[in-house]
Amino acid sequence: MKSNPITFAILLAVAAGSLTTLASAENKKSSLNSHDEKFVKEAGASGMAEVKIATLGTQKAERADVKNLATMLVADHTKANSELSSLAASKNVELSAVIDPSDASTFKDLEKESGKGFDKAFLSDLEKAHKNTISSFEDAEKNASDADVKSWASKTLPTLRAHLDKIKELEAK
């Protein structure tokens, strides 16, 4: 098979670009300590999963109030994810685009549900996730070394607490 000089040049350019990207990624070290970086990465992953799961809620919820909650969660967590993405970029922290396996499992389990069963499972999963997230954010609010991380956690907490209150209210109905 003949080698095409144009194909070879393209492959060479792609390889060189990949090496440059790898080299620049190695030069950009996170400006956060390991605890703060872990929080940012975990908050990014859980926020992304929250949007995915809440989007499913907008499609599958039977009750209008549960559907409204899901819509609010999509909007609020999308906004928080955007803010966190900017914060992470400013601190040279790379957020994963992959959903955590446990969140993917939750999503798959919820996909199988319908009607009242979906609403109940959805609210239950949201309650558990929000309790864990609030705990993590409270820890960051108190213990983060980076002022920007601490400030973002503190600013986001009231919204997360309001979500949990609304989830509990809807579960009681």
C-alpha atoms as a PDB file:
ATOM      1  CA  MET A   1       0.000   0.000   0.000  1.00  0.00           C
ATOM      2  CA  LYS A   2       1.354   3.422  -0.987  1.00  0.00           C
ATOM      3  CA  SER A   3       1.612   6.043   1.705  1.00  0.00           C
ATOM      4  CA  ASN A   4      -0.035   9.298   0.905  1.00  0.00           C
ATOM      5  CA  PRO A   5       2.192  12.280   1.807  1.00  0.00           C
ATOM      6  CA  ILE A   6      -0.827  14.358   2.828  1.00  0.00           C
ATOM      7  CA  THR A   7      -2.132  11.608   5.136  1.00  0.00           C
ATOM      8  CA  PHE A   8       1.346  11.257   6.614  1.00  0.00           C
ATOM      9  CA  ALA A   9       1.574  15.018   7.201  1.00  0.00           C
ATOM     10  CA  ILE A  10      -1.840  15.062   8.897  1.00  0.00           C
ATOM     11  CA  LEU A  11      -0.911  12.135  11.143  1.00  0.00           C
ATOM     12  CA  LEU A  12       2.387  13.810  11.999  1.00  0.00           C
ATOM     13  CA  ALA A  13       0.608  17.073  12.841  1.00  0.00           C
ATOM     14  CA  VAL A  14      -1.938  15.246  15.030  1.00  0.00           C
ATOM     15  CA  ALA A  15       0.835  13.385  16.843  1.00  0.00           C
ATOM     16  CA  ALA A  16       2.787  16.593  17.397  1.00  0.00           C
ATOM     17  CA  GLY A  17      -0.345  18.331  18.661  1.00  0.00           C
ATOM     18  CA  SER A  18      -1.032  15.481  21.065  1.00  0.00           C
ATOM     19  CA  LEU A  19       2.485  15.676  22.447  1.00  0.00           C
ATOM     20  CA  THR A  20       2.175  19.437  22.853  1.00  0.00           C
ATOM     21  CA  THR A  21      -1.121  19.003  24.671  1.00  0.00           C
ATOM     22  CA  LEU A  22       0.406  16.382  26.964  1.00  0.00           C
ATOM     23  CA  ALA A  23       3.422  18.569  27.655  1.00  0.00           C
ATOM     24  CA  SER A  24       1.297  21.621  28.445  1.00  0.00           C
ATOM     25  CA  ALA A  25      -1.006  19.526  30.662  1.00  0.00           C
ATOM     26  CA  GLU A  26       2.020  18.375  32.643  1.00  0.00           C
ATOM     27  CA  ASN A  27       3.172  21.982  33.065  1.00  0.00           C
ATOM     28  CA  LYS A  28      -0.197  23.080  34.450  1.00  0.00           C
ATOM     29  CA  LYS A  29      -0.302  21.853  37.996  1.00  0.00           C
ATOM     30  CA  SER A  30      -3.296  22.491  40.182  1.00  0.00           C
ATOM     31  CA  SER A  31      -2.880  25.449  42.488  1.00  0.00           C
ATOM     32  CA  LEU A  32      -5.047  23.711  45.114  1.00  0.00           C
ATOM     33  CA  ASN A  33      -3.951  21.414  47.906  1.00  0.00           C
ATOM     34  CA  SER A  34      -5.061  17.788  47.587  1.00  0.00           C
ATOM     35  CA  HIS A  35      -8.097  18.185  49.896  1.00  0.00           C
ATOM     36  CA  ASP A  36      -9.452  21.198  47.998  1.00  0.00           C
ATOM     37  CA  GLU A  37      -8.727  19.611  44.616  1.00  0.00           C
ATOM     38  CA  LYS A  38     -10.549  16.436  45.665  1.00  0.00           C
ATOM     39  CA  PHE A  39     -13.571  18.478  46.750  1.00  0.00           C
ATOM     40  CA  VAL A  40     -13.659  20.399  43.442  1.00  0.00           C
ATOM     41  CA  LYS A  41     -13.410  17.207  41.394  1.00  0.00           C
ATOM     42  CA  GLU A  42     -16.056  15.401  43.454  1.00  0.00           C
ATOM     43  CA  ALA A  43     -18.385  18.419  43.365  1.00  0.00           C
ATOM     44  CA  GLY A  44     -17.959  18.532  39.595  1.00  0.00           C
ATOM     45  CA  ALA A  45     -18.760  14.850  39.198  1.00  0.00           C
ATOM     46  CA  SER A  46     -21.770  14.933  41.515  1.00  0.00           C
ATOM     47  CA  GLY A  47     -23.070  18.138  39.924  1.00  0.00           C
ATOM     48  CA  MET A  48     -22.865  16.619  36.468  1.00  0.00           C
ATOM     49  CA  ALA A  49     -24.658  13.472  37.665  1.00  0.00           C
ATOM     50  CA  GLU A  50     -27.319  15.596  39.367  1.00  0.00           C
ATOM     51  CA  VAL A  51     -28.135  17.343  36.074  1.00  0.00           C
ATOM     52  CA  LYS A  52     -28.332  14.024  34.223  1.00  0.00           C
ATOM     53  CA  ILE A  53     -30.592  12.429  36.846  1.00  0.00           C
ATOM     54  CA  ALA A  54     -32.754  15.550  37.201  1.00  0.00           C
ATOM     55  CA  THR A  55     -33.138  15.709  33.415  1.00  0.00           C
ATOM     56  CA  LEU A  56     -34.504  12.178  33.572  1.00  0.00           C
ATOM     57  CA  GLY A  57     -36.904  13.438  36.253  1.00  0.00           C
ATOM     58  CA  THR A  58     -38.190  16.163  33.932  1.00  0.00           C
ATOM     59  CA  GLN A  59     -39.082  13.424  31.442  1.00  0.00           C
ATOM     60  CA  LYS A  60     -40.376  10.647  33.672  1.00  0.00           C
ATOM     61  CA  ALA A  61     -41.885  12.190  36.796  1.00  0.00           C
ATOM     62  CA  GLU A  62     -45.594  11.548  37.104  1.00  0.00           C
ATOM     63  CA  ARG A  63     -46.459  14.293  39.604  1.00  0.00           C
ATOM     64  CA  ALA A  64     -46.286  17.878  38.391  1.00  0.00           C
ATOM     65  CA  ASP A  65     -44.573  19.038  41.607  1.00  0.00           C
ATOM     66  CA  VAL A  66     -41.847  16.403  41.192  1.00  0.00           C
ATOM     67  CA  LYS A  67     -41.399  17.412  37.543  1.00  0.00           C
ATOM     68  CA  ASN A  68     -41.123  21.068  38.649  1.00  0.00           C
ATOM     69  CA  LEU A  69     -38.487  20.100  41.216  1.00  0.00           C
ATOM     70  CA  ALA A  70     -36.524  18.254  38.540  1.00  0.00           C
ATOM     71  CA  THR A  71     -36.654  21.313  36.274  1.00  0.00           C
ATOM     72  CA  MET A  72     -35.410  23.531  39.111  1.00  0.00           C
ATOM     73  CA  LEU A  73     -32.582  21.089  39.866  1.00  0.00           C
ATOM     74  CA  VAL A  74     -31.459  21.067  36.243  1.00  0.00           C
ATOM     75  CA  ALA A  75     -31.338  24.878  36.193  1.00  0.00           C
ATOM     76  CA  ASP A  76     -29.667  25.322  39.592  1.00  0.00           C
ATOM     77  CA  HIS A  77     -27.089  22.563  39.169  1.00  0.00           C
ATOM     78  CA  THR A  78     -26.271  23.638  35.601  1.00  0.00           C
ATOM     79  CA  LYS A  79     -25.543  27.125  36.947  1.00  0.00           C
ATOM     80  CA  ALA A  80     -23.447  25.747  39.822  1.00  0.00           C
ATOM     81  CA  ASN A  81     -21.585  23.436  37.424  1.00  0.00           C
ATOM     82  CA  SER A  82     -20.760  26.381  35.196  1.00  0.00           C
ATOM     83  CA  GLU A  83     -19.433  28.382  38.147  1.00  0.00           C
ATOM     84  CA  LEU A  84     -17.411  25.396  39.342  1.00  0.00           C
ATOM     85  CA  SER A  85     -16.017  24.823  35.866  1.00  0.00           C
ATOM     86  CA  SER A  86     -14.726  28.402  35.800  1.00  0.00           C
ATOM     87  CA  LEU A  87     -13.293  28.040  39.304  1.00  0.00           C
ATOM     88  CA  ALA A  88     -11.613  24.743  38.405  1.00  0.00           C
ATOM     89  CA  ALA A  89     -10.095  26.220  35.243  1.00  0.00           C
ATOM     90  CA  SER A  90      -8.703  29.164  37.206  1.00  0.00           C
ATOM     91  CA  LYS A  91      -7.036  26.698  39.609  1.00  0.00           C
ATOM     92  CA  ASN A  92      -5.790  24.361  36.834  1.00  0.00           C
ATOM     93  CA  VAL A  93      -8.034  21.534  38.009  1.00  0.00           C
ATOM     94  CA  GLU A  94      -9.396  19.290  35.291  1.00  0.00           C
ATOM     95  CA  LEU A  95     -12.950  18.123  35.876  1.00  0.00           C
ATOM     96  CA  SER A  96     -13.942  14.703  34.585  1.00  0.00           C
ATOM     97  CA  ALA A  97     -16.550  14.393  31.874  1.00  0.00           C
ATOM     98  CA  VAL A  98     -17.348  10.853  33.039  1.00  0.00           C
ATOM     99  CA  ILE A  99     -20.170  10.160  35.471  1.00  0.00           C
ATOM    100  CA  ASP A 100     -19.245   8.218  38.601  1.00  0.00           C
ATOM    101  CA  PRO A 101     -20.230   4.529  38.283  1.00  0.00           C
ATOM    102  CA  SER A 102     -22.543   4.679  41.313  1.00  0.00           C
ATOM    103  CA  ASP A 103     -24.394   7.652  39.789  1.00  0.00           C
ATOM    104  CA  ALA A 104     -24.594   5.840  36.448  1.00  0.00           C
ATOM    105  CA  SER A 105     -26.096   2.867  38.286  1.00  0.00           C
ATOM    106  CA  THR A 106     -28.648   5.138  39.985  1.00  0.00           C
ATOM    107  CA  PHE A 107     -29.557   6.597  36.594  1.00  0.00           C
ATOM    108  CA  LYS A 108     -30.039   3.133  35.067  1.00  0.00           C
ATOM    109  CA  ASP A 109     -32.172   2.010  38.015  1.00  0.00           C
ATOM    110  CA  LEU A 110     -34.351   5.112  37.695  1.00  0.00           C
ATOM    111  CA  GLU A 111     -34.740   4.580  33.952  1.00  0.00           C
ATOM    112  CA  LYS A 112     -36.450   1.265  34.705  1.00  0.00           C
ATOM    113  CA  GLU A 113     -39.023   2.916  37.000  1.00  0.00           C
ATOM    114  CA  SER A 114     -42.246   4.616  35.954  1.00  0.00           C
ATOM    115  CA  GLY A 115     -45.238   6.370  37.444  1.00  0.00           C
ATOM    116  CA  LYS A 116     -45.467   6.667  41.221  1.00  0.00           C
ATOM    117  CA  GLY A 117     -42.576   4.217  41.595  1.00  0.00           C
ATOM    118  CA  PHE A 118     -40.340   6.564  39.641  1.00  0.00           C
ATOM    119  CA  ASP A 119     -41.356   9.585  41.698  1.00  0.00           C
ATOM    120  CA  LYS A 120     -40.707   7.767  44.967  1.00  0.00           C
ATOM    121  CA  ALA A 121     -37.321   6.339  43.899  1.00  0.00           C
ATOM    122  CA  PHE A 122     -36.303   9.666  42.320  1.00  0.00           C
ATOM    123  CA  LEU A 123     -37.055  11.657  45.476  1.00  0.00           C
ATOM    124  CA  SER A 124     -35.346   9.070  47.677  1.00  0.00           C
ATOM    125  CA  ASP A 125     -32.190   9.140  45.549  1.00  0.00           C
ATOM    126  CA  LEU A 126     -32.230  12.942  45.479  1.00  0.00           C
ATOM    127  CA  GLU A 127     -32.521  13.103  49.267  1.00  0.00           C
ATOM    128  CA  LYS A 128     -29.563  10.784  49.779  1.00  0.00           C
ATOM    129  CA  ALA A 129     -27.437  12.609  47.186  1.00  0.00           C
ATOM    130  CA  HIS A 130     -28.248  16.049  48.603  1.00  0.00           C
ATOM    131  CA  LYS A 131     -27.457  14.968  52.178  1.00  0.00           C
ATOM    132  CA  ASN A 132     -24.045  13.697  51.039  1.00  0.00           C
ATOM    133  CA  THR A 133     -23.404  16.788  48.945  1.00  0.00           C
ATOM    134  CA  ILE A 134     -24.373  19.161  51.753  1.00  0.00           C
ATOM    135  CA  SER A 135     -22.029  17.354  54.129  1.00  0.00           C
ATOM    136  CA  SER A 136     -19.182  17.667  51.633  1.00  0.00           C
ATOM    137  CA  PHE A 137     -19.906  21.354  51.017  1.00  0.00           C
ATOM    138  CA  GLU A 138     -20.105  22.090  54.759  1.00  0.00           C
ATOM    139  CA  ASP A 139     -16.696  20.481  55.161  1.00  0.00           C
ATOM    140  CA  ALA A 140     -15.288  22.611  52.327  1.00  0.00           C
ATOM    141  CA  GLU A 141     -16.907  25.746  53.754  1.00  0.00           C
ATOM    142  CA  LYS A 142     -15.138  25.140  57.086  1.00  0.00           C
ATOM    143  CA  ASN A 143     -11.891  23.493  56.036  1.00  0.00           C
ATOM    144  CA  ALA A 144     -10.946  24.494  52.488  1.00  0.00           C
ATOM    145  CA  SER A 145      -7.583  26.234  52.333  1.00  0.00           C
ATOM    146  CA  ASP A 146      -8.332  28.092  49.116  1.00  0.00           C
ATOM    147  CA  ALA A 147     -10.485  31.185  49.663  1.00  0.00           C
ATOM    148  CA  ASP A 148     -12.239  30.837  46.291  1.00  0.00           C
ATOM    149  CA  VAL A 149     -13.156  27.202  46.941  1.00  0.00           C
ATOM    150  CA  LYS A 150     -14.396  28.084  50.418  1.00  0.00           C
ATOM    151  CA  SER A 151     -16.433  31.000  49.059  1.00  0.00           C
ATOM    152  CA  TRP A 152     -18.019  28.934  46.273  1.00  0.00           C
ATOM    153  CA  ALA A 153     -18.977  26.154  48.696  1.00  0.00           C
ATOM    154  CA  SER A 154     -20.477  28.703  51.090  1.00  0.00           C
ATOM    155  CA  LYS A 155     -22.375  30.464  48.300  1.00  0.00           C
ATOM    156  CA  THR A 156     -23.786  27.172  46.951  1.00  0.00           C
ATOM    157  CA  LEU A 157     -24.866  25.655  50.279  1.00  0.00           C
ATOM    158  CA  PRO A 158     -28.133  27.621  50.718  1.00  0.00           C
ATOM    159  CA  THR A 159     -29.381  26.380  47.335  1.00  0.00           C
ATOM    160  CA  LEU A 160     -28.488  22.785  48.191  1.00  0.00           C
ATOM    161  CA  ARG A 161     -30.267  23.080  51.547  1.00  0.00           C
ATOM    162  CA  ALA A 162     -33.336  24.544  49.839  1.00  0.00           C
ATOM    163  CA  HIS A 163     -33.319  21.604  47.426  1.00  0.00           C
ATOM    164  CA  LEU A 164     -33.205  19.140  50.324  1.00  0.00           C
ATOM    165  CA  ASP A 165     -36.076  20.909  52.094  1.00  0.00           C
ATOM    166  CA  LYS A 166     -38.185  20.783  48.908  1.00  0.00           C
ATOM    167  CA  ILE A 167     -37.326  17.108  48.349  1.00  0.00           C
ATOM    168  CA  LYS A 168     -38.407  16.230  51.916  1.00  0.00           C
ATOM    169  CA  GLU A 169     -41.606  18.246  51.497  1.00  0.00           C
ATOM    170  CA  LEU A 170     -42.494  16.352  48.314  1.00  0.00           C
ATOM    171  CA  GLU A 171     -41.650  12.987  49.891  1.00  0.00           C
ATOM    172  CA  ALA A 172     -44.132  13.719  52.689  1.00  0.00           C
ATOM    173  CA  LYS A 173     -46.995  14.181  50.196  1.00  0.00           C
END
